[in-house]
Each structure stands twice: as structure tokens, then as C-alpha cells.
């Protein structure tokens, strides 16, 4: 355990027990440790998440759509990133939706995060107009078309994926709307027998654009 400056004791390893809705413990900078989020393995990893938020650029009072919200890590960090920033997540699986809500209740400022359970193609047209959109799952060209039309001027959109299907989607988005298309590969040093070697994570495709 470690003791915060206000006297709170918190787990030093950063577990799901941490409550930090006012950002006084973990700060507002993007890239929170992965283990502060409860998840089933589907969570945008720390380094990749920070890269997404660098392009999303949270601003005071602005709205984010998080499509395929998973554990809610990107939406939660958006809400923490600027005063009054709000996010609405879309998740088709109720178990992941419940987990994202639980994470937000510990880590997002009160009232900053909402969630809709359903398929993105069925619900995005009913959401409030966004200033930024993150697509981490459930993306289709139809969903991206709706997002691009809904974004306020100066809005930002980021698409991530690790599958061939997501790569094709990102490539098509780049062809239609420009922006930047890239691949990110992160390797972590881990024990390899008595020595140390690099363990690669899955390569992440990223497309981002400002409208």
C-alpha cells in the first residue's frame, strides 16, 4: 500500500480498487496503467491509448463518441483529460457495458460518462453530435459515414483495429477522407529463460483525421 498526500491508502500496484474521480491521485495525463481498469482482456493498452488520446485531444465541455467501448478506458481518459469533457460509449455486449460503467464510477468525473448498449450501426444516428469519435470495435463504413457527418467542425476521429477486417476499414477510410494511416507495434522486455527478450503485442492499425 502507498499513502496519497490527502492520507488515503491505495494499492501500490494499481488495482481495480482505486477510486480517483477527481484526478487527484493519477492525474489527467493520458496513459493510465492498464490494471486500474477492470477488463476481460479487451482494453486499449496504455501506450496505444495515449496515442489515440493525443489525436482525440480532449477539450473542456466537448463530447466524445467511443464506439466499441470495451472496458471504457479511452472514454474515461477523455473525461479526465479536460474540465467538463463528456463521453458516450456504445457497446453491444452487456457484460462489457457493465464493466465500463463500473470503471467510470471509479475513475471518471461524476456525470461525465454515459453508455448505450446496442449495435453501433443501430444507435449512432441518435447520439448527440460529437467533437471527437474513437472507434475501437464495431466499426463499419456506414458507422464512419455517420460519424464524419455528425462531427462538429474541427472534430477529430480515430479508428483502431488489430484484425484484417479493421485494416481494410481503416484503409478505406483513408482513401475516402484522407488523414493519416499508420501501424503501431509495441514490444515489452520480458524474461526469456535466464536472459531477457522482447515480447511483441499485436500490431495496431490507426487511422485518424481532423474534419
C-alpha atoms as a PDB file:
ATOM      1  CA  UNK A   1       0.000   0.000   0.000  1.00  0.00           C
ATOM      2  CA  UNK A   2       1.012   3.603  -0.574  1.00  0.00           C
ATOM      3  CA  UNK A   3      -0.345   6.706   1.098  1.00  0.00           C
ATOM      4  CA  UNK A   4      -1.645   9.599  -1.025  1.00  0.00           C
ATOM      5  CA  UNK A   5      -0.994  13.188   0.065  1.00  0.00           C
ATOM      6  CA  UNK A   6      -4.508  13.520   1.500  1.00  0.00           C
ATOM      7  CA  UNK A   7      -3.964  10.453   3.693  1.00  0.00           C
ATOM      8  CA  UNK A   8      -5.746   7.881   1.527  1.00  0.00           C
ATOM      9  CA  UNK A   9      -4.128   4.456   1.333  1.00  0.00           C
ATOM     10  CA  UNK A  10      -4.212   2.923  -2.132  1.00  0.00           C
ATOM     11  CA  UNK A  11      -2.735  -0.275  -3.606  1.00  0.00           C
ATOM     12  CA  UNK A  12       0.735   0.467  -4.962  1.00  0.00           C
ATOM     13  CA  UNK A  13       0.280  -1.905  -7.910  1.00  0.00           C
ATOM     14  CA  UNK A  14      -2.717  -0.002  -9.299  1.00  0.00           C
ATOM     15  CA  UNK A  15      -5.650  -2.382  -8.992  1.00  0.00           C
ATOM     16  CA  UNK A  16      -9.358  -2.018  -9.706  1.00  0.00           C
ATOM     17  CA  UNK A  17      -9.832  -0.866  -6.104  1.00  0.00           C
ATOM     18  CA  UNK A  18      -8.515   2.602  -6.962  1.00  0.00           C
ATOM     19  CA  UNK A  19     -11.089   5.381  -6.876  1.00  0.00           C
ATOM     20  CA  UNK A  20      -9.894   8.637  -8.438  1.00  0.00           C
ATOM     21  CA  UNK A  21     -12.831  10.550  -9.892  1.00  0.00           C
ATOM     22  CA  UNK A  22     -11.252  13.942  -9.197  1.00  0.00           C
ATOM     23  CA  UNK A  23      -7.949  13.002 -10.871  1.00  0.00           C
ATOM     24  CA  UNK A  24      -6.007  13.947  -7.732  1.00  0.00           C
ATOM     25  CA  UNK A  25      -4.305  10.560  -7.458  1.00  0.00           C
ATOM     26  CA  UNK A  26      -3.494   9.512 -11.025  1.00  0.00           C
ATOM     27  CA  UNK A  27      -3.502  12.920 -12.726  1.00  0.00           C
ATOM     28  CA  UNK A  28      -5.015  13.944 -16.058  1.00  0.00           C
ATOM     29  CA  UNK A  29      -2.215  12.968 -18.460  1.00  0.00           C
ATOM     30  CA  UNK A  30      -3.257  10.144 -20.821  1.00  0.00           C
ATOM     31  CA  UNK A  31      -1.905   6.630 -20.458  1.00  0.00           C
ATOM     32  CA  UNK A  32      -3.212   5.308 -17.148  1.00  0.00           C
ATOM     33  CA  UNK A  33      -1.873   1.865 -16.150  1.00  0.00           C
ATOM     34  CA  UNK A  34      -3.892  -0.935 -17.737  1.00  0.00           C
ATOM     35  CA  UNK A  35      -4.542  -2.566 -14.379  1.00  0.00           C
ATOM     36  CA  UNK A  36      -6.586   0.326 -12.982  1.00  0.00           C
ATOM     37  CA  UNK A  37      -9.340  -0.834 -15.377  1.00  0.00           C
ATOM     38  CA  UNK A  38     -11.387  -3.967 -14.835  1.00  0.00           C
ATOM     39  CA  UNK A  39     -11.434  -5.810 -18.151  1.00  0.00           C
ATOM     40  CA  UNK A  40     -11.689  -9.216 -19.787  1.00  0.00           C
ATOM     41  CA  UNK A  41      -8.584  -8.718 -21.895  1.00  0.00           C
ATOM     42  CA  UNK A  42     -10.331  -6.300 -24.259  1.00  0.00           C
ATOM     43  CA  UNK A  43      -8.803  -2.971 -23.236  1.00  0.00           C
ATOM     44  CA  UNK A  44      -6.904  -0.433 -25.316  1.00  0.00           C
ATOM     45  CA  UNK A  45      -3.390  -0.812 -23.928  1.00  0.00           C
ATOM     46  CA  UNK A  46      -1.651   2.074 -22.200  1.00  0.00           C
ATOM     47  CA  UNK A  47       0.795   3.146 -24.929  1.00  0.00           C
ATOM     48  CA  UNK A  48      -1.762   2.746 -27.716  1.00  0.00           C
ATOM     49  CA  UNK A  49      -4.420   4.558 -25.669  1.00  0.00           C
ATOM     50  CA  UNK A  50      -2.123   7.512 -25.111  1.00  0.00           C
ATOM     51  CA  UNK A  51      -1.501   7.681 -28.871  1.00  0.00           C
ATOM     52  CA  UNK A  52      -5.250   7.735 -29.534  1.00  0.00           C
ATOM     53  CA  UNK A  53      -5.878  10.492 -26.990  1.00  0.00           C
ATOM     54  CA  UNK A  54      -3.065  12.572 -28.485  1.00  0.00           C
ATOM     55  CA  UNK A  55      -5.147  12.772 -31.678  1.00  0.00           C
ATOM     56  CA  UNK A  56      -8.550  12.996 -29.974  1.00  0.00           C
ATOM     57  CA  UNK A  57      -7.322  15.976 -27.898  1.00  0.00           C
ATOM     58  CA  UNK A  58      -9.870  16.301 -25.040  1.00  0.00           C
ATOM     59  CA  UNK A  59     -11.196  19.861 -24.734  1.00  0.00           C
ATOM     60  CA  UNK A  60     -13.315  21.483 -21.993  1.00  0.00           C
ATOM     61  CA  UNK A  61     -17.011  20.774 -22.426  1.00  0.00           C
ATOM     62  CA  UNK A  62     -16.631  18.657 -25.558  1.00  0.00           C
ATOM     63  CA  UNK A  63     -18.285  15.313 -26.388  1.00  0.00           C
ATOM     64  CA  UNK A  64     -16.674  12.024 -27.418  1.00  0.00           C
ATOM     65  CA  UNK A  65     -18.304   9.017 -29.025  1.00  0.00           C
ATOM     66  CA  UNK A  66     -16.490   5.797 -28.038  1.00  0.00           C
ATOM     67  CA  UNK A  67     -17.695   3.076 -30.396  1.00  0.00           C
ATOM     68  CA  UNK A  68     -16.999  -0.435 -29.124  1.00  0.00           C
ATOM     69  CA  UNK A  69     -16.249   0.930 -25.684  1.00  0.00           C
ATOM     70  CA  UNK A  70     -14.961  -2.340 -24.170  1.00  0.00           C
ATOM     71  CA  UNK A  71     -13.602  -1.523 -20.714  1.00  0.00           C
ATOM     72  CA  UNK A  72     -14.204   2.184 -21.279  1.00  0.00           C
ATOM     73  CA  UNK A  73     -10.545   3.174 -20.967  1.00  0.00           C
ATOM     74  CA  UNK A  74     -10.451   5.694 -23.830  1.00  0.00           C
ATOM     75  CA  UNK A  75     -13.752   7.321 -22.875  1.00  0.00           C
ATOM     76  CA  UNK A  76     -12.735   7.539 -19.229  1.00  0.00           C
ATOM     77  CA  UNK A  77      -9.393   9.117 -20.058  1.00  0.00           C
ATOM     78  CA  UNK A  78     -11.170  11.597 -22.354  1.00  0.00           C
ATOM     79  CA  UNK A  79     -13.437  12.624 -19.477  1.00  0.00           C
ATOM     80  CA  UNK A  80     -10.432  13.039 -17.192  1.00  0.00           C
ATOM     81  CA  UNK A  81      -8.482  14.987 -19.809  1.00  0.00           C
ATOM     82  CA  UNK A  82     -10.348  18.316 -19.693  1.00  0.00           C
ATOM     83  CA  UNK A  83     -12.804  20.087 -17.416  1.00  0.00           C
ATOM     84  CA  UNK A  84     -16.383  19.236 -18.362  1.00  0.00           C
ATOM     85  CA  UNK A  85     -15.403  16.788 -21.114  1.00  0.00           C
ATOM     86  CA  UNK A  86     -18.084  14.140 -21.604  1.00  0.00           C
ATOM     87  CA  UNK A  87     -18.243  10.802 -23.383  1.00  0.00           C
ATOM     88  CA  UNK A  88     -20.911   8.413 -24.529  1.00  0.00           C
ATOM     89  CA  UNK A  89     -19.929   4.819 -25.144  1.00  0.00           C
ATOM     90  CA  UNK A  90     -21.580   2.275 -27.426  1.00  0.00           C
ATOM     91  CA  UNK A  91     -21.162  -1.412 -26.610  1.00  0.00           C
ATOM     92  CA  UNK A  92     -23.155  -4.365 -27.920  1.00  0.00           C
ATOM     93  CA  UNK A  93     -22.177  -6.767 -25.106  1.00  0.00           C
ATOM     94  CA  UNK A  94     -23.972  -6.137 -21.832  1.00  0.00           C
ATOM     95  CA  UNK A  95     -21.192  -7.679 -19.707  1.00  0.00           C
ATOM     96  CA  UNK A  96     -18.597  -5.300 -21.135  1.00  0.00           C
ATOM     97  CA  UNK A  97     -21.021  -2.399 -20.837  1.00  0.00           C
ATOM     98  CA  UNK A  98     -21.465  -3.146 -17.129  1.00  0.00           C
ATOM     99  CA  UNK A  99     -17.708  -3.321 -16.666  1.00  0.00           C
ATOM    100  CA  UNK A 100     -17.192   0.015 -18.428  1.00  0.00           C
ATOM    101  CA  UNK A 101     -19.809   1.649 -16.197  1.00  0.00           C
ATOM    102  CA  UNK A 102     -18.105   0.238 -13.094  1.00  0.00           C
ATOM    103  CA  UNK A 103     -14.760   1.603 -14.270  1.00  0.00           C
ATOM    104  CA  UNK A 104     -16.285   5.012 -14.931  1.00  0.00           C
ATOM    105  CA  UNK A 105     -17.851   5.068 -11.471  1.00  0.00           C
ATOM    106  CA  UNK A 106     -14.340   4.826 -10.023  1.00  0.00           C
ATOM    107  CA  UNK A 107     -12.266   6.815 -12.486  1.00  0.00           C
ATOM    108  CA  UNK A 108     -14.368   9.318 -14.450  1.00  0.00           C
ATOM    109  CA  UNK A 109     -15.668  12.635 -13.066  1.00  0.00           C
ATOM    110  CA  UNK A 110     -19.258  12.272 -11.882  1.00  0.00           C
ATOM    111  CA  UNK A 111     -21.837  12.668 -14.638  1.00  0.00           C
ATOM    112  CA  UNK A 112     -19.265  12.676 -17.439  1.00  0.00           C
ATOM    113  CA  UNK A 113     -19.842   9.197 -18.889  1.00  0.00           C
ATOM    114  CA  UNK A 114     -22.960   7.671 -20.436  1.00  0.00           C
ATOM    115  CA  UNK A 115     -23.370   4.371 -22.227  1.00  0.00           C
ATOM    116  CA  UNK A 116     -25.753   2.870 -24.773  1.00  0.00           C
ATOM    117  CA  UNK A 117     -25.994  -0.901 -25.150  1.00  0.00           C
ATOM    118  CA  UNK A 118     -26.562  -1.947 -28.733  1.00  0.00           C
ATOM    119  CA  UNK A 119     -25.030  -2.343 -32.155  1.00  0.00           C
ATOM    120  CA  UNK A 120     -23.251   0.817 -33.281  1.00  0.00           C
ATOM    121  CA  UNK A 121     -24.987   0.792 -36.671  1.00  0.00           C
ATOM    122  CA  UNK A 122     -28.362   0.964 -34.906  1.00  0.00           C
ATOM    123  CA  UNK A 123     -27.637   3.701 -32.362  1.00  0.00           C
ATOM    124  CA  UNK A 124     -25.039   6.217 -33.584  1.00  0.00           C
ATOM    125  CA  UNK A 125     -27.546   8.292 -35.549  1.00  0.00           C
ATOM    126  CA  UNK A 126     -29.415   9.020 -32.269  1.00  0.00           C
ATOM    127  CA  UNK A 127     -26.398  10.187 -30.278  1.00  0.00           C
ATOM    128  CA  UNK A 128     -25.629  13.856 -29.513  1.00  0.00           C
ATOM    129  CA  UNK A 129     -23.279  15.445 -32.066  1.00  0.00           C
ATOM    130  CA  UNK A 130     -19.669  14.721 -31.119  1.00  0.00           C
ATOM    131  CA  UNK A 131     -16.498  16.772 -31.136  1.00  0.00           C
ATOM    132  CA  UNK A 132     -14.403  13.610 -31.343  1.00  0.00           C
ATOM    133  CA  UNK A 133     -15.002   9.961 -32.202  1.00  0.00           C
ATOM    134  CA  UNK A 134     -13.000   6.884 -31.250  1.00  0.00           C
ATOM    135  CA  UNK A 135     -13.769   3.570 -32.933  1.00  0.00           C
ATOM    136  CA  UNK A 136     -12.152   0.652 -31.166  1.00  0.00           C
ATOM    137  CA  UNK A 137     -14.624  -2.032 -32.258  1.00  0.00           C
ATOM    138  CA  UNK A 138     -17.887  -2.435 -34.131  1.00  0.00           C
ATOM    139  CA  UNK A 139     -16.800  -0.087 -36.888  1.00  0.00           C
ATOM    140  CA  UNK A 140     -18.200  -0.221 -40.399  1.00  0.00           C
ATOM    141  CA  UNK A 141     -18.087   2.211 -43.297  1.00  0.00           C
ATOM    142  CA  UNK A 142     -21.705   3.122 -42.532  1.00  0.00           C
ATOM    143  CA  UNK A 143     -20.774   3.936 -38.908  1.00  0.00           C
ATOM    144  CA  UNK A 144     -17.814   6.033 -40.068  1.00  0.00           C
ATOM    145  CA  UNK A 145     -20.003   7.878 -42.593  1.00  0.00           C
ATOM    146  CA  UNK A 146     -22.446   8.776 -39.825  1.00  0.00           C
ATOM    147  CA  UNK A 147     -19.612   9.886 -37.559  1.00  0.00           C
ATOM    148  CA  UNK A 148     -17.974  12.051 -40.218  1.00  0.00           C
ATOM    149  CA  UNK A 149     -21.285  13.758 -40.970  1.00  0.00           C
ATOM    150  CA  UNK A 150     -22.053  14.294 -37.279  1.00  0.00           C
ATOM    151  CA  UNK A 151     -18.679  15.715 -36.197  1.00  0.00           C
ATOM    152  CA  UNK A 152     -18.587  19.416 -35.415  1.00  0.00           C
ATOM    153  CA  UNK A 153     -16.116  21.484 -37.474  1.00  0.00           C
ATOM    154  CA  UNK A 154     -12.644  20.844 -36.132  1.00  0.00           C
ATOM    155  CA  UNK A 155     -13.734  17.435 -34.887  1.00  0.00           C
ATOM    156  CA  UNK A 156     -11.310  14.548 -34.586  1.00  0.00           C
ATOM    157  CA  UNK A 157     -11.775  10.870 -35.405  1.00  0.00           C
ATOM    158  CA  UNK A 158      -9.501   7.930 -34.561  1.00  0.00           C
ATOM    159  CA  UNK A 159     -10.009   4.307 -35.636  1.00  0.00           C
ATOM    160  CA  UNK A 160      -8.021   1.432 -34.111  1.00  0.00           C
ATOM    161  CA  UNK A 161      -8.001  -2.230 -35.028  1.00  0.00           C
ATOM    162  CA  UNK A 162      -5.918  -5.408 -34.922  1.00  0.00           C
ATOM    163  CA  UNK A 163      -7.762  -7.580 -37.472  1.00  0.00           C
ATOM    164  CA  UNK A 164      -7.546  -7.794 -41.245  1.00  0.00           C
ATOM    165  CA  UNK A 165     -11.122  -6.519 -41.391  1.00  0.00           C
ATOM    166  CA  UNK A 166     -10.204  -3.465 -39.309  1.00  0.00           C
ATOM    167  CA  UNK A 167      -7.183  -2.841 -41.531  1.00  0.00           C
ATOM    168  CA  UNK A 168      -9.380  -2.852 -44.631  1.00  0.00           C
ATOM    169  CA  UNK A 169     -11.814  -0.476 -42.917  1.00  0.00           C
ATOM    170  CA  UNK A 170      -9.034   1.918 -41.959  1.00  0.00           C
ATOM    171  CA  UNK A 171      -7.567   1.785 -45.469  1.00  0.00           C
ATOM    172  CA  UNK A 172     -10.962   2.588 -46.987  1.00  0.00           C
ATOM    173  CA  UNK A 173     -11.425   5.481 -44.547  1.00  0.00           C
ATOM    174  CA  UNK A 174      -8.017   6.825 -45.555  1.00  0.00           C
ATOM    175  CA  UNK A 175      -8.939   6.552 -49.240  1.00  0.00           C
ATOM    176  CA  UNK A 176     -12.235   8.404 -48.742  1.00  0.00           C
ATOM    177  CA  UNK A 177     -11.350  11.076 -46.227  1.00  0.00           C
ATOM    178  CA  UNK A 178      -7.571  11.410 -46.181  1.00  0.00           C
ATOM    179  CA  UNK A 179      -5.916  11.824 -42.806  1.00  0.00           C
ATOM    180  CA  UNK A 180      -3.100   9.567 -41.672  1.00  0.00           C
ATOM    181  CA  UNK A 181      -2.922   5.780 -41.704  1.00  0.00           C
ATOM    182  CA  UNK A 182      -0.268   4.004 -39.659  1.00  0.00           C
ATOM    183  CA  UNK A 183       0.647   0.799 -37.858  1.00  0.00           C
ATOM    184  CA  UNK A 184       1.898   0.694 -34.281  1.00  0.00           C
ATOM    185  CA  UNK A 185       3.964  -2.134 -32.840  1.00  0.00           C
ATOM    186  CA  UNK A 186       4.855  -2.243 -29.157  1.00  0.00           C
ATOM    187  CA  UNK A 187       7.336  -4.732 -27.694  1.00  0.00           C
ATOM    188  CA  UNK A 188       7.918  -5.280 -23.994  1.00  0.00           C
ATOM    189  CA  UNK A 189      11.081  -6.650 -22.394  1.00  0.00           C
ATOM    190  CA  UNK A 190      10.319  -9.898 -20.534  1.00  0.00           C
ATOM    191  CA  UNK A 191      12.345 -12.819 -19.136  1.00  0.00           C
ATOM    192  CA  UNK A 192      13.457 -15.327 -21.746  1.00  0.00           C
ATOM    193  CA  UNK A 193      14.927 -18.215 -19.838  1.00  0.00           C
ATOM    194  CA  UNK A 194      17.808 -16.738 -17.841  1.00  0.00           C
ATOM    195  CA  UNK A 195      18.015 -13.763 -20.212  1.00  0.00           C
ATOM    196  CA  UNK A 196      15.675 -11.017 -21.387  1.00  0.00           C
ATOM    197  CA  UNK A 197      13.902 -10.752 -24.733  1.00  0.00           C
ATOM    198  CA  UNK A 198      11.278  -8.669 -26.483  1.00  0.00           C
ATOM    199  CA  UNK A 199       7.646  -9.834 -26.492  1.00  0.00           C
ATOM    200  CA  UNK A 200       5.603  -8.133 -29.231  1.00  0.00           C
ATOM    201  CA  UNK A 201       1.964  -7.188 -28.776  1.00  0.00           C
ATOM    202  CA  UNK A 202      -0.473  -7.343 -31.655  1.00  0.00           C
ATOM    203  CA  UNK A 203       0.137  -4.681 -34.281  1.00  0.00           C
ATOM    204  CA  UNK A 204      -2.498  -1.935 -34.115  1.00  0.00           C
ATOM    205  CA  UNK A 205      -3.777  -0.157 -37.221  1.00  0.00           C
ATOM    206  CA  UNK A 206      -4.620   3.502 -36.634  1.00  0.00           C
ATOM    207  CA  UNK A 207      -6.432   5.929 -38.914  1.00  0.00           C
ATOM    208  CA  UNK A 208      -7.019   9.479 -37.741  1.00  0.00           C
ATOM    209  CA  UNK A 209      -8.324  12.661 -39.300  1.00  0.00           C
ATOM    210  CA  UNK A 210      -9.438  16.164 -38.302  1.00  0.00           C
ATOM    211  CA  UNK A 211     -12.503  17.469 -40.167  1.00  0.00           C
END
